[in-house]
Amino acid sequence: MKLKKWLSNGTVKGFVLGFIFATILSTAIVVAANTTTLENVSYDVNLVVNGVELELAEDMRPFISGGRTYLPLRGIAEALGLVVDWDNETKTATVDEPVDEEDAEEAEDAEEARAVLVAYFSWAENAVFPEPDEDNDIDTMTGASQIVPGNTGRLAAWIAEGTGGELFSIVTEEAYPNNWGDIFVVGPGELAEEARPALKALCEDIEDYDVIFIGFPVWADNPPMAIYTFIEEHDLSGKTVVIFSAFGMGDMDNSFEVLSAAFPDDVTVIAVPFGVSSTGIADAKDDLDAWLKEIGF
């Protein structure tokens, strides 16, 4: 029996399975899990892949048993130029395309060449709070953090760690109230006035960065207006922007939508922002790392 062609590289990329068997039905092959006891084994099988008959080791020969034809995964995969890996703990074989070392090095070089800035606005760094003591205990785990760097600042630090980026704290000249209830008044007020609070400092070397992460808390379902000041005071043309947020009761989706529209047309805004409730900051690092990987960092 001869098998003219089993599959192509595109078919098996990422194909994961345990111990397999293949049953030939006309010209098709059915792949399934097998726990059947083998009986009446016949090795009268020739295996041809892409016009070349394979000469396999004794323990890798294809065979027929009980009307089924069993094919050697490793032999076929390697004949197609693929790489087979076996995980003995999970009893799983993984077939993938080989990694081109030159391409991998080029990708690594490109990653290293991509300069990242992590700019963020944190309430904790834009208001003056009393030092916590026995009479003034601040619960940073369940509310908006009042201890520097704040909730958004913690996310920013993790992002900088994961991307090799530089941190830049967006700080306004005039401090904000240190009472969360007053923020519910000031935030909507600035939004209604379309205010652009002056910043204490700008990022002087903004032109050196290719990717800008921008983070903020959500006030009145919108970013703090200082974020718009940052955008308008810096030339972000041609850059890639990634948005992240630590929010309480605000609407992250609305914040992402309105802020995305504020960038110049030649700015690429990554369509997958990261948002986490202020009550979930402490446990957010794993999710944040997974998100960074998802968007290519």
C-alpha atoms as a PDB file:
ATOM      1  CA  MET A   1       0.000   0.000   0.000  1.00  0.00           C
ATOM      2  CA  LYS A   2       1.404   3.430  -0.907  1.00  0.00           C
ATOM      3  CA  LEU A   3       0.475   6.810   0.538  1.00  0.00           C
ATOM      4  CA  LYS A   4       1.191   9.433  -2.110  1.00  0.00           C
ATOM      5  CA  LYS A   5       0.863  12.563   0.006  1.00  0.00           C
ATOM      6  CA  TRP A   6      -0.308  12.965   3.578  1.00  0.00           C
ATOM      7  CA  LEU A   7      -0.324  16.632   4.415  1.00  0.00           C
ATOM      8  CA  SER A   8       1.414  19.958   3.935  1.00  0.00           C
ATOM      9  CA  ASN A   9       3.309  22.247   6.294  1.00  0.00           C
ATOM     10  CA  GLY A  10       0.337  24.556   6.671  1.00  0.00           C
ATOM     11  CA  THR A  11      -1.887  21.657   7.682  1.00  0.00           C
ATOM     12  CA  VAL A  12       0.193  20.482  10.599  1.00  0.00           C
ATOM     13  CA  LYS A  13       1.493  23.711  12.071  1.00  0.00           C
ATOM     14  CA  GLY A  14       0.643  23.631  15.746  1.00  0.00           C
ATOM     15  CA  PHE A  15      -1.022  20.221  15.398  1.00  0.00           C
ATOM     16  CA  VAL A  16      -1.040  18.635  18.859  1.00  0.00           C
ATOM     17  CA  LEU A  17      -2.089  15.091  19.681  1.00  0.00           C
ATOM     18  CA  GLY A  18      -1.290  12.148  21.872  1.00  0.00           C
ATOM     19  CA  PHE A  19      -0.763   8.602  20.467  1.00  0.00           C
ATOM     20  CA  ILE A  20      -2.517   8.601  17.064  1.00  0.00           C
ATOM     21  CA  PHE A  21      -3.614   6.258  14.377  1.00  0.00           C
ATOM     22  CA  ALA A  22      -4.701   6.932  10.819  1.00  0.00           C
ATOM     23  CA  THR A  23      -7.370   5.065   8.890  1.00  0.00           C
ATOM     24  CA  ILE A  24      -7.319   5.271   5.125  1.00  0.00           C
ATOM     25  CA  LEU A  25     -10.817   5.725   3.663  1.00  0.00           C
ATOM     26  CA  SER A  26     -10.582   6.043  -0.132  1.00  0.00           C
ATOM     27  CA  THR A  27      -8.080   8.892  -0.481  1.00  0.00           C
ATOM     28  CA  ALA A  28      -8.765  10.430   2.919  1.00  0.00           C
ATOM     29  CA  ILE A  29      -7.052   9.844   6.245  1.00  0.00           C
ATOM     30  CA  VAL A  30      -8.937   9.979   9.535  1.00  0.00           C
ATOM     31  CA  VAL A  31      -6.893  10.885  12.623  1.00  0.00           C
ATOM     32  CA  ALA A  32      -8.143   9.859  16.062  1.00  0.00           C
ATOM     33  CA  ALA A  33      -7.120   8.758  19.541  1.00  0.00           C
ATOM     34  CA  ASN A  34      -6.453   5.050  19.970  1.00  0.00           C
ATOM     35  CA  THR A  35      -6.579   2.688  22.911  1.00  0.00           C
ATOM     36  CA  THR A  36      -7.372  -0.456  20.886  1.00  0.00           C
ATOM     37  CA  THR A  37      -5.352  -3.650  21.397  1.00  0.00           C
ATOM     38  CA  LEU A  38      -3.391  -4.388  18.207  1.00  0.00           C
ATOM     39  CA  GLU A  39      -4.015  -7.758  16.539  1.00  0.00           C
ATOM     40  CA  ASN A  40      -2.929  -9.433  13.277  1.00  0.00           C
ATOM     41  CA  VAL A  41      -0.232  -6.865  12.604  1.00  0.00           C
ATOM     42  CA  SER A  42       1.100  -6.625   9.045  1.00  0.00           C
ATOM     43  CA  TYR A  43       4.092  -4.519   8.043  1.00  0.00           C
ATOM     44  CA  ASP A  44       3.362  -4.836   4.331  1.00  0.00           C
ATOM     45  CA  VAL A  45       3.099  -1.048   3.945  1.00  0.00           C
ATOM     46  CA  ASN A  46       5.179   1.301   1.828  1.00  0.00           C
ATOM     47  CA  LEU A  47       5.138   4.961   2.855  1.00  0.00           C
ATOM     48  CA  VAL A  48       5.685   7.626   0.191  1.00  0.00           C
ATOM     49  CA  VAL A  49       5.792  11.320   1.123  1.00  0.00           C
ATOM     50  CA  ASN A  50       5.899  13.913  -1.652  1.00  0.00           C
ATOM     51  CA  GLY A  51       7.048  11.284  -4.138  1.00  0.00           C
ATOM     52  CA  VAL A  52       9.828   9.900  -1.955  1.00  0.00           C
ATOM     53  CA  GLU A  53       9.548   6.482  -0.334  1.00  0.00           C
ATOM     54  CA  LEU A  54      10.638   6.661   3.272  1.00  0.00           C
ATOM     55  CA  GLU A  55      13.147   4.226   4.676  1.00  0.00           C
ATOM     56  CA  LEU A  56      12.334   4.163   8.361  1.00  0.00           C
ATOM     57  CA  ALA A  57      13.938   2.546  11.362  1.00  0.00           C
ATOM     58  CA  GLU A  58      12.494  -0.769  12.565  1.00  0.00           C
ATOM     59  CA  ASP A  59      10.557   0.847  15.411  1.00  0.00           C
ATOM     60  CA  MET A  60       9.032   3.491  13.121  1.00  0.00           C
ATOM     61  CA  ARG A  61       7.608   1.299  10.367  1.00  0.00           C
ATOM     62  CA  PRO A  62       3.953   1.821   9.366  1.00  0.00           C
ATOM     63  CA  PHE A  63       1.723  -1.203   9.807  1.00  0.00           C
ATOM     64  CA  ILE A  64      -1.818  -2.524   9.424  1.00  0.00           C
ATOM     65  CA  SER A  65      -3.849  -3.985  12.261  1.00  0.00           C
ATOM     66  CA  GLY A  66      -7.557  -4.748  12.409  1.00  0.00           C
ATOM     67  CA  GLY A  67      -8.231  -2.990   9.128  1.00  0.00           C
ATOM     68  CA  ARG A  68      -6.508   0.184  10.250  1.00  0.00           C
ATOM     69  CA  THR A  69      -3.275   1.614   8.895  1.00  0.00           C
ATOM     70  CA  TYR A  70      -0.953   3.094  11.541  1.00  0.00           C
ATOM     71  CA  LEU A  71       1.496   5.755  10.394  1.00  0.00           C
ATOM     72  CA  PRO A  72       4.640   7.021  12.178  1.00  0.00           C
ATOM     73  CA  LEU A  73       4.079  10.641  13.136  1.00  0.00           C
ATOM     74  CA  ARG A  74       7.749  11.460  13.597  1.00  0.00           C
ATOM     75  CA  GLY A  75       8.848   9.811  10.350  1.00  0.00           C
ATOM     76  CA  ILE A  76       6.259  11.637   8.248  1.00  0.00           C
ATOM     77  CA  ALA A  77       6.718  14.977   9.999  1.00  0.00           C
ATOM     78  CA  GLU A  78      10.486  14.940   9.660  1.00  0.00           C
ATOM     79  CA  ALA A  79      10.177  13.917   6.002  1.00  0.00           C
ATOM     80  CA  LEU A  80       8.125  17.075   5.523  1.00  0.00           C
ATOM     81  CA  GLY A  81      10.788  19.174   7.217  1.00  0.00           C
ATOM     82  CA  LEU A  82       8.840  19.603  10.439  1.00  0.00           C
ATOM     83  CA  VAL A  83       9.957  19.319  14.032  1.00  0.00           C
ATOM     84  CA  VAL A  84       8.426  16.828  16.474  1.00  0.00           C
ATOM     85  CA  ASP A  85       8.579  17.283  20.226  1.00  0.00           C
ATOM     86  CA  TRP A  86       7.391  14.797  22.859  1.00  0.00           C
ATOM     87  CA  ASP A  87       6.184  15.753  26.338  1.00  0.00           C
ATOM     88  CA  ASN A  88       6.382  12.596  28.381  1.00  0.00           C
ATOM     89  CA  GLU A  89       4.575  14.120  31.362  1.00  0.00           C
ATOM     90  CA  THR A  90       1.435  14.950  29.381  1.00  0.00           C
ATOM     91  CA  LYS A  91       1.984  12.206  26.773  1.00  0.00           C
ATOM     92  CA  THR A  92       1.653  14.788  24.028  1.00  0.00           C
ATOM     93  CA  ALA A  93       3.420  15.080  20.684  1.00  0.00           C
ATOM     94  CA  THR A  94       3.694  18.519  19.115  1.00  0.00           C
ATOM     95  CA  VAL A  95       4.449  19.089  15.438  1.00  0.00           C
ATOM     96  CA  ASP A  96       5.628  22.548  14.331  1.00  0.00           C
ATOM     97  CA  GLU A  97       7.472  24.234  11.547  1.00  0.00           C
ATOM     98  CA  PRO A  98      11.186  24.590  12.300  1.00  0.00           C
ATOM     99  CA  VAL A  99      12.410  27.921  13.610  1.00  0.00           C
ATOM    100  CA  ASP A 100      14.705  29.650  11.167  1.00  0.00           C
ATOM    101  CA  GLU A 101      17.605  30.898  13.295  1.00  0.00           C
ATOM    102  CA  GLU A 102      18.263  33.828  10.969  1.00  0.00           C
ATOM    103  CA  ASP A 103      14.614  34.886  11.038  1.00  0.00           C
ATOM    104  CA  ALA A 104      14.520  34.473  14.812  1.00  0.00           C
ATOM    105  CA  GLU A 105      17.592  36.662  15.195  1.00  0.00           C
ATOM    106  CA  GLU A 106      16.100  39.307  12.903  1.00  0.00           C
ATOM    107  CA  ALA A 107      12.873  39.283  14.915  1.00  0.00           C
ATOM    108  CA  GLU A 108      14.835  39.585  18.136  1.00  0.00           C
ATOM    109  CA  ASP A 109      16.855  42.477  16.739  1.00  0.00           C
ATOM    110  CA  ALA A 110      13.661  44.205  15.609  1.00  0.00           C
ATOM    111  CA  GLU A 111      12.173  43.738  19.069  1.00  0.00           C
ATOM    112  CA  GLU A 112      15.261  45.220  20.697  1.00  0.00           C
ATOM    113  CA  ALA A 113      15.207  48.145  18.268  1.00  0.00           C
ATOM    114  CA  ARG A 114      11.610  49.006  19.156  1.00  0.00           C
ATOM    115  CA  ALA A 115      11.934  51.747  21.779  1.00  0.00           C
ATOM    116  CA  VAL A 116       9.035  51.853  24.253  1.00  0.00           C
ATOM    117  CA  LEU A 117       7.776  54.682  26.460  1.00  0.00           C
ATOM    118  CA  VAL A 118       5.240  53.940  29.194  1.00  0.00           C
ATOM    119  CA  ALA A 119       3.467  57.209  29.977  1.00  0.00           C
ATOM    120  CA  TYR A 120       0.847  57.193  32.698  1.00  0.00           C
ATOM    121  CA  PHE A 121      -1.318  59.478  34.796  1.00  0.00           C
ATOM    122  CA  SER A 122      -1.795  58.396  38.384  1.00  0.00           C
ATOM    123  CA  TRP A 123      -4.029  60.101  40.936  1.00  0.00           C
ATOM    124  CA  ALA A 124      -1.486  59.164  43.610  1.00  0.00           C
ATOM    125  CA  GLU A 125       1.171  61.252  41.840  1.00  0.00           C
ATOM    126  CA  ASN A 126      -1.181  64.154  41.097  1.00  0.00           C
ATOM    127  CA  ALA A 127      -2.498  64.854  44.589  1.00  0.00           C
ATOM    128  CA  VAL A 128      -0.965  65.380  47.999  1.00  0.00           C
ATOM    129  CA  PHE A 129      -1.984  62.742  50.541  1.00  0.00           C
ATOM    130  CA  PRO A 130      -1.200  62.478  54.241  1.00  0.00           C
ATOM    131  CA  GLU A 131       1.204  59.733  55.203  1.00  0.00           C
ATOM    132  CA  PRO A 132      -0.647  56.605  56.377  1.00  0.00           C
ATOM    133  CA  ASP A 133      -0.399  55.894  60.095  1.00  0.00           C
ATOM    134  CA  GLU A 134      -2.470  54.282  62.824  1.00  0.00           C
ATOM    135  CA  ASP A 135      -4.996  57.116  62.683  1.00  0.00           C
ATOM    136  CA  ASN A 136      -5.003  57.393  58.912  1.00  0.00           C
ATOM    137  CA  ASP A 137      -4.935  53.896  57.460  1.00  0.00           C
ATOM    138  CA  ILE A 138      -5.248  53.876  53.681  1.00  0.00           C
ATOM    139  CA  ASP A 139      -6.713  50.794  52.052  1.00  0.00           C
ATOM    140  CA  THR A 140      -4.909  50.586  48.719  1.00  0.00           C
ATOM    141  CA  MET A 141      -6.330  47.189  47.789  1.00  0.00           C
ATOM    142  CA  THR A 142     -10.009  48.013  47.573  1.00  0.00           C
ATOM    143  CA  GLY A 143     -10.067  51.646  46.396  1.00  0.00           C
ATOM    144  CA  ALA A 144      -8.146  53.995  44.152  1.00  0.00           C
ATOM    145  CA  SER A 145      -4.596  53.814  45.459  1.00  0.00           C
ATOM    146  CA  GLN A 146      -3.326  56.855  47.320  1.00  0.00           C
ATOM    147  CA  ILE A 147       0.225  55.590  47.744  1.00  0.00           C
ATOM    148  CA  VAL A 148       2.735  56.363  45.007  1.00  0.00           C
ATOM    149  CA  PRO A 149       2.867  55.140  42.293  1.00  0.00           C
ATOM    150  CA  GLY A 150      -0.859  54.350  42.566  1.00  0.00           C
ATOM    151  CA  ASN A 151      -2.856  51.726  40.728  1.00  0.00           C
ATOM    152  CA  THR A 152      -2.067  53.011  37.245  1.00  0.00           C
ATOM    153  CA  GLY A 153       1.557  53.455  38.235  1.00  0.00           C
ATOM    154  CA  ARG A 154       1.791  49.823  39.303  1.00  0.00           C
ATOM    155  CA  LEU A 155       0.468  48.687  35.934  1.00  0.00           C
ATOM    156  CA  ALA A 156       2.897  51.034  34.198  1.00  0.00           C
ATOM    157  CA  ALA A 157       5.843  49.605  36.135  1.00  0.00           C
ATOM    158  CA  TRP A 158       4.875  46.060  35.153  1.00  0.00           C
ATOM    159  CA  ILE A 159       4.545  47.095  31.511  1.00  0.00           C
ATOM    160  CA  ALA A 160       7.963  48.769  31.584  1.00  0.00           C
ATOM    161  CA  GLU A 161       9.403  45.609  33.115  1.00  0.00           C
ATOM    162  CA  GLY A 162       7.818  43.399  30.467  1.00  0.00           C
ATOM    163  CA  THR A 163       8.739  45.568  27.484  1.00  0.00           C
ATOM    164  CA  GLY A 164      12.030  47.107  28.563  1.00  0.00           C
ATOM    165  CA  GLY A 165      10.331  50.484  28.267  1.00  0.00           C
ATOM    166  CA  GLU A 166      11.012  53.774  30.034  1.00  0.00           C
ATOM    167  CA  LEU A 167       8.512  55.227  32.499  1.00  0.00           C
ATOM    168  CA  PHE A 168       7.123  58.747  32.248  1.00  0.00           C
ATOM    169  CA  SER A 169       4.714  60.063  34.851  1.00  0.00           C
ATOM    170  CA  ILE A 170       2.202  62.630  33.569  1.00  0.00           C
ATOM    171  CA  VAL A 171       1.934  65.215  36.352  1.00  0.00           C
ATOM    172  CA  THR A 172      -0.099  68.426  36.223  1.00  0.00           C
ATOM    173  CA  GLU A 173       1.129  71.779  37.520  1.00  0.00           C
ATOM    174  CA  GLU A 174      -1.918  72.104  39.755  1.00  0.00           C
ATOM    175  CA  ALA A 175      -2.541  69.223  42.149  1.00  0.00           C
ATOM    176  CA  TYR A 176      -5.883  67.434  42.210  1.00  0.00           C
ATOM    177  CA  PRO A 177      -8.026  66.963  45.336  1.00  0.00           C
ATOM    178  CA  ASN A 178      -6.969  64.105  47.613  1.00  0.00           C
ATOM    179  CA  ASN A 179     -10.585  63.247  48.341  1.00  0.00           C
ATOM    180  CA  TRP A 180     -12.095  60.711  45.956  1.00  0.00           C
ATOM    181  CA  GLY A 181     -15.521  62.313  46.251  1.00  0.00           C
ATOM    182  CA  ASP A 182     -14.116  65.614  44.983  1.00  0.00           C
ATOM    183  CA  ILE A 183     -12.670  63.829  41.931  1.00  0.00           C
ATOM    184  CA  PHE A 184     -16.261  63.000  40.962  1.00  0.00           C
ATOM    185  CA  VAL A 185     -16.801  66.762  40.733  1.00  0.00           C
ATOM    186  CA  VAL A 186     -13.494  67.894  39.245  1.00  0.00           C
ATOM    187  CA  GLY A 187     -13.307  65.179  36.579  1.00  0.00           C
ATOM    188  CA  PRO A 188     -16.704  65.866  34.983  1.00  0.00           C
ATOM    189  CA  GLY A 189     -16.063  69.603  35.311  1.00  0.00           C
ATOM    190  CA  GLU A 190     -12.838  69.441  33.330  1.00  0.00           C
ATOM    191  CA  LEU A 191     -14.525  67.205  30.771  1.00  0.00           C
ATOM    192  CA  ALA A 192     -17.394  69.650  30.282  1.00  0.00           C
ATOM    193  CA  GLU A 193     -14.956  72.525  29.869  1.00  0.00           C
ATOM    194  CA  GLU A 194     -12.703  70.482  27.562  1.00  0.00           C
ATOM    195  CA  ALA A 195      -9.887  71.596  29.847  1.00  0.00           C
ATOM    196  CA  ARG A 196      -6.229  70.984  29.064  1.00  0.00           C
ATOM    197  CA  PRO A 197      -4.444  71.060  32.433  1.00  0.00           C
ATOM    198  CA  ALA A 198      -0.853  72.278  32.141  1.00  0.00           C
ATOM    199  CA  LEU A 199       1.815  69.659  32.757  1.00  0.00           C
ATOM    200  CA  LYS A 200       4.871  70.078  34.964  1.00  0.00           C
ATOM    201  CA  ALA A 201       7.091  68.483  32.357  1.00  0.00           C
ATOM    202  CA  LEU A 202       7.034  67.028  28.865  1.00  0.00           C
ATOM    203  CA  CYS A 203       8.921  64.044  27.525  1.00  0.00           C
ATOM    204  CA  GLU A 204      11.821  65.804  25.831  1.00  0.00           C
ATOM    205  CA  ASP A 205      12.986  62.798  23.808  1.00  0.00           C
ATOM    206  CA  ILE A 206       9.562  61.618  22.596  1.00  0.00           C
ATOM    207  CA  GLU A 207      10.946  61.319  19.051  1.00  0.00           C
ATOM    208  CA  ASP A 208      13.207  58.476  20.190  1.00  0.00           C
ATOM    209  CA  TYR A 209      10.293  56.146  20.951  1.00  0.00           C
ATOM    210  CA  ASP A 210       8.442  53.909  18.511  1.00  0.00           C
ATOM    211  CA  VAL A 211       5.721  52.642  20.860  1.00  0.00           C
ATOM    212  CA  ILE A 212       3.905  54.716  23.482  1.00  0.00           C
ATOM    213  CA  PHE A 213       1.878  53.009  26.182  1.00  0.00           C
ATOM    214  CA  ILE A 214      -0.581  55.465  27.728  1.00  0.00           C
ATOM    215  CA  GLY A 215      -2.281  54.651  31.022  1.00  0.00           C
ATOM    216  CA  PHE A 216      -4.793  56.386  33.239  1.00  0.00           C
ATOM    217  CA  PRO A 217      -7.643  55.948  35.723  1.00  0.00           C
ATOM    218  CA  VAL A 218     -11.169  56.458  34.398  1.00  0.00           C
ATOM    219  CA  TRP A 219     -12.900  59.624  35.570  1.00  0.00           C
ATOM    220  CA  ALA A 220     -16.511  60.255  34.519  1.00  0.00           C
ATOM    221  CA  ASP A 221     -16.227  57.438  31.958  1.00  0.00           C
ATOM    222  CA  ASN A 222     -13.324  59.278  30.335  1.00  0.00           C
ATOM    223  CA  PRO A 223      -9.566  59.629  30.689  1.00  0.00           C
ATOM    224  CA  PRO A 224      -8.417  62.551  32.864  1.00  0.00           C
ATOM    225  CA  MET A 225      -8.072  65.602  30.673  1.00  0.00           C
ATOM    226  CA  ALA A 226      -4.333  65.725  31.354  1.00  0.00           C
ATOM    227  CA  ILE A 227      -4.044  62.768  28.988  1.00  0.00           C
ATOM    228  CA  TYR A 228      -5.279  64.981  26.153  1.00  0.00           C
ATOM    229  CA  THR A 229      -2.697  67.586  27.128  1.00  0.00           C
ATOM    230  CA  PHE A 230       0.003  64.934  26.844  1.00  0.00           C
ATOM    231  CA  ILE A 231      -1.243  63.844  23.403  1.00  0.00           C
ATOM    232  CA  GLU A 232      -1.486  67.382  22.055  1.00  0.00           C
ATOM    233  CA  GLU A 233       1.833  68.560  23.484  1.00  0.00           C
ATOM    234  CA  HIS A 234       3.841  65.722  21.929  1.00  0.00           C
ATOM    235  CA  ASP A 235       4.362  64.786  18.297  1.00  0.00           C
ATOM    236  CA  LEU A 236       3.128  61.195  18.131  1.00  0.00           C
ATOM    237  CA  SER A 237       3.029  61.016  14.330  1.00  0.00           C
ATOM    238  CA  GLY A 238       3.893  57.579  12.962  1.00  0.00           C
ATOM    239  CA  LYS A 239       4.022  55.954  16.385  1.00  0.00           C
ATOM    240  CA  THR A 240       2.149  52.971  17.784  1.00  0.00           C
ATOM    241  CA  VAL A 241       0.001  53.667  20.841  1.00  0.00           C
ATOM    242  CA  VAL A 242      -1.212  51.123  23.392  1.00  0.00           C
ATOM    243  CA  ILE A 243      -3.819  52.049  25.994  1.00  0.00           C
ATOM    244  CA  PHE A 244      -4.179  50.663  29.505  1.00  0.00           C
ATOM    245  CA  SER A 245      -6.221  51.658  32.532  1.00  0.00           C
ATOM    246  CA  ALA A 246      -6.991  50.974  36.170  1.00  0.00           C
ATOM    247  CA  PHE A 247     -10.589  51.926  36.790  1.00  0.00           C
ATOM    248  CA  GLY A 248     -13.189  51.939  39.543  1.00  0.00           C
ATOM    249  CA  MET A 249     -16.729  52.535  38.402  1.00  0.00           C
ATOM    250  CA  GLY A 250     -15.786  54.169  35.097  1.00  0.00           C
ATOM    251  CA  ASP A 251     -16.352  52.867  31.581  1.00  0.00           C
ATOM    252  CA  MET A 252     -13.109  51.586  30.078  1.00  0.00           C
ATOM    253  CA  ASP A 253     -14.710  50.924  26.681  1.00  0.00           C
ATOM    254  CA  ASN A 254     -15.849  54.519  26.320  1.00  0.00           C
ATOM    255  CA  SER A 255     -12.453  55.810  27.429  1.00  0.00           C
ATOM    256  CA  PHE A 256     -10.703  53.710  24.804  1.00  0.00           C
ATOM    257  CA  GLU A 257     -13.103  54.831  22.079  1.00  0.00           C
ATOM    258  CA  VAL A 258     -12.913  58.562  22.760  1.00  0.00           C
ATOM    259  CA  LEU A 259      -9.163  58.550  23.313  1.00  0.00           C
ATOM    260  CA  SER A 260      -8.472  56.559  20.146  1.00  0.00           C
ATOM    261  CA  ALA A 261     -10.198  59.303  18.177  1.00  0.00           C
ATOM    262  CA  ALA A 262      -7.917  61.951  19.686  1.00  0.00           C
ATOM    263  CA  PHE A 263      -4.714  60.762  18.002  1.00  0.00           C
ATOM    264  CA  PRO A 264      -3.408  61.968  14.622  1.00  0.00           C
ATOM    265  CA  ASP A 265      -4.476  59.868  11.647  1.00  0.00           C
ATOM    266  CA  ASP A 266      -1.018  58.366  11.169  1.00  0.00           C
ATOM    267  CA  VAL A 267      -0.890  56.964  14.698  1.00  0.00           C
ATOM    268  CA  THR A 268      -1.566  53.229  15.007  1.00  0.00           C
ATOM    269  CA  VAL A 269      -3.692  52.489  18.062  1.00  0.00           C
ATOM    270  CA  ILE A 270      -3.539  48.843  19.145  1.00  0.00           C
ATOM    271  CA  ALA A 271      -7.143  47.633  19.190  1.00  0.00           C
ATOM    272  CA  VAL A 272      -6.729  45.548  22.351  1.00  0.00           C
ATOM    273  CA  PRO A 273      -6.432  47.796  25.436  1.00  0.00           C
ATOM    274  CA  PHE A 274      -5.791  46.483  28.935  1.00  0.00           C
ATOM    275  CA  GLY A 275      -8.168  47.381  31.730  1.00  0.00           C
ATOM    276  CA  VAL A 276      -8.483  46.156  35.298  1.00  0.00           C
ATOM    277  CA  SER A 277     -10.675  47.183  38.202  1.00  0.00           C
ATOM    278  CA  SER A 278      -8.875  48.904  41.047  1.00  0.00           C
ATOM    279  CA  THR A 279      -9.949  46.027  43.293  1.00  0.00           C
ATOM    280  CA  GLY A 280      -8.120  43.570  41.050  1.00  0.00           C
ATOM    281  CA  ILE A 281      -4.758  45.313  40.751  1.00  0.00           C
ATOM    282  CA  ALA A 282      -2.969  43.038  43.204  1.00  0.00           C
ATOM    283  CA  ASP A 283      -3.713  39.949  41.094  1.00  0.00           C
ATOM    284  CA  ALA A 284      -3.446  41.582  37.668  1.00  0.00           C
ATOM    285  CA  LYS A 285       0.191  40.936  36.745  1.00  0.00           C
ATOM    286  CA  ASP A 286      -0.331  37.509  35.155  1.00  0.00           C
ATOM    287  CA  ASP A 287      -3.203  38.834  33.038  1.00  0.00           C
ATOM    288  CA  LEU A 288      -1.138  41.860  32.074  1.00  0.00           C
ATOM    289  CA  ASP A 289       1.823  39.692  31.032  1.00  0.00           C
ATOM    290  CA  ALA A 290      -0.512  37.533  28.923  1.00  0.00           C
ATOM    291  CA  TRP A 291      -1.904  40.679  27.301  1.00  0.00           C
ATOM    292  CA  LEU A 292       1.574  41.962  26.478  1.00  0.00           C
ATOM    293  CA  LYS A 293       2.343  38.642  24.810  1.00  0.00           C
ATOM    294  CA  GLU A 294      -0.947  38.787  22.897  1.00  0.00           C
ATOM    295  CA  ILE A 295      -0.128  42.192  21.403  1.00  0.00           C
ATOM    296  CA  GLY A 296       3.426  41.221  20.522  1.00  0.00           C
ATOM    297  CA  PHE A 297       5.607  42.143  23.490  1.00  0.00           C
END
